[in-house]
Protein backbone atom coordinates (compact mmCIF):
# COMPACT_ATOMS: atom_id res chain seq x y z
CA MET A 1 -80.05 10.78 -49.45
CA PRO A 2 -77.97 8.21 -50.54
CA ASN A 3 -79.16 4.44 -50.47
CA MET A 4 -76.64 1.88 -48.49
CA THR A 5 -77.66 -2.00 -48.45
CA LEU A 6 -76.88 -4.16 -45.31
CA ALA A 7 -76.07 -7.91 -45.27
CA ILE A 8 -77.13 -9.55 -41.94
CA PRO A 9 -77.25 -13.09 -41.08
CA ALA A 10 -80.28 -14.88 -41.83
CA GLU A 11 -80.93 -15.58 -37.63
CA LEU A 12 -80.90 -11.86 -36.94
CA ARG A 13 -83.39 -11.21 -39.57
CA ASN A 14 -85.55 -13.16 -37.95
CA GLN A 15 -84.83 -11.78 -34.79
CA MET A 16 -85.70 -8.75 -36.22
CA ALA A 17 -88.75 -9.84 -37.93
CA VAL A 18 -89.97 -10.28 -34.19
CA PHE A 19 -90.46 -6.24 -33.77
CA PRO A 20 -92.06 -5.13 -37.20
CA GLU A 21 -93.31 -1.77 -35.79
CA ILE A 22 -89.73 -1.23 -35.72
CA ASN A 23 -87.41 1.33 -38.50
CA TRP A 24 -84.74 -1.02 -38.63
CA SER A 25 -83.55 1.72 -41.18
CA GLU A 26 -83.57 4.42 -38.59
CA VAL A 27 -82.12 2.34 -36.09
CA ALA A 28 -78.73 1.47 -38.57
CA ARG A 29 -78.58 5.46 -39.32
CA GLN A 30 -78.34 6.75 -35.87
CA ALA A 31 -76.07 3.44 -34.56
CA ILE A 32 -74.06 4.55 -37.69
CA MET A 33 -73.92 8.54 -36.81
CA GLU A 34 -73.46 7.61 -33.14
CA LYS A 35 -70.29 5.48 -34.55
CA VAL A 36 -69.01 8.79 -36.71
CA ARG A 37 -69.52 11.21 -33.69
CA THR A 38 -67.22 8.59 -31.39
CA LEU A 39 -64.57 8.32 -34.04
CA ALA A 40 -64.50 12.26 -34.80
CA ARG A 41 -63.99 12.75 -31.03
CA MET A 42 -61.62 10.12 -31.05
CA ASN A 43 -59.64 11.75 -33.91
CA GLU A 44 -60.06 15.17 -32.27
CA LEU A 45 -58.34 14.13 -29.02
CA LEU A 46 -55.61 12.06 -30.94
CA ARG A 47 -54.60 14.70 -33.33
CA ASN A 48 -51.91 16.38 -31.36
CA SER A 49 -50.85 13.32 -30.02
CA THR A 50 -47.16 12.05 -30.28
CA VAL A 51 -47.87 8.55 -29.33
CA THR A 52 -46.28 6.15 -31.81
CA GLU A 53 -47.99 3.09 -33.57
CA ALA A 54 -45.38 0.92 -32.42
CA GLU A 55 -46.00 2.35 -28.53
CA THR A 56 -49.55 1.89 -29.03
CA ILE A 57 -49.20 -1.84 -29.80
CA THR A 58 -46.41 -2.30 -27.03
CA THR A 59 -48.96 -0.40 -24.52
CA GLY A 60 -51.61 -2.98 -26.01
CA ARG A 61 -49.79 -5.94 -25.84
CA ARG A 62 -48.55 -5.36 -22.12
CA ILE A 63 -52.17 -4.47 -21.19
CA ARG A 64 -53.53 -7.95 -22.88
CA ALA A 65 -50.70 -9.56 -20.73
CA ARG A 66 -51.96 -8.87 -17.29
CA VAL A 67 -55.27 -8.92 -18.25
CA ALA A 68 -54.40 -12.67 -18.94
CA ARG A 69 -52.59 -13.02 -16.02
CA LYS A 70 -55.39 -11.57 -13.97
CA GLN A 71 -57.92 -14.07 -15.26
CA GLN A 72 -55.55 -16.71 -15.03
CA ALA A 73 -55.37 -16.08 -11.22
CA GLN A 74 -59.23 -15.94 -10.33
């Protein structure tokens, strides 16, 4: 199995050290596997999409503006 080296902030490493019984390599491996599954599923769902990147960006900007207006109203 190939190895991977991760750089983490010192503060996070200190927090992890509080739980020496945890296999942090396994935690990272599981998180990566879950992310890959999620991305693969997204690709599968979007494979036949006819929405363009430009349309996606425009929609995202509209949603962001609506959320900002809603937060300002609160």
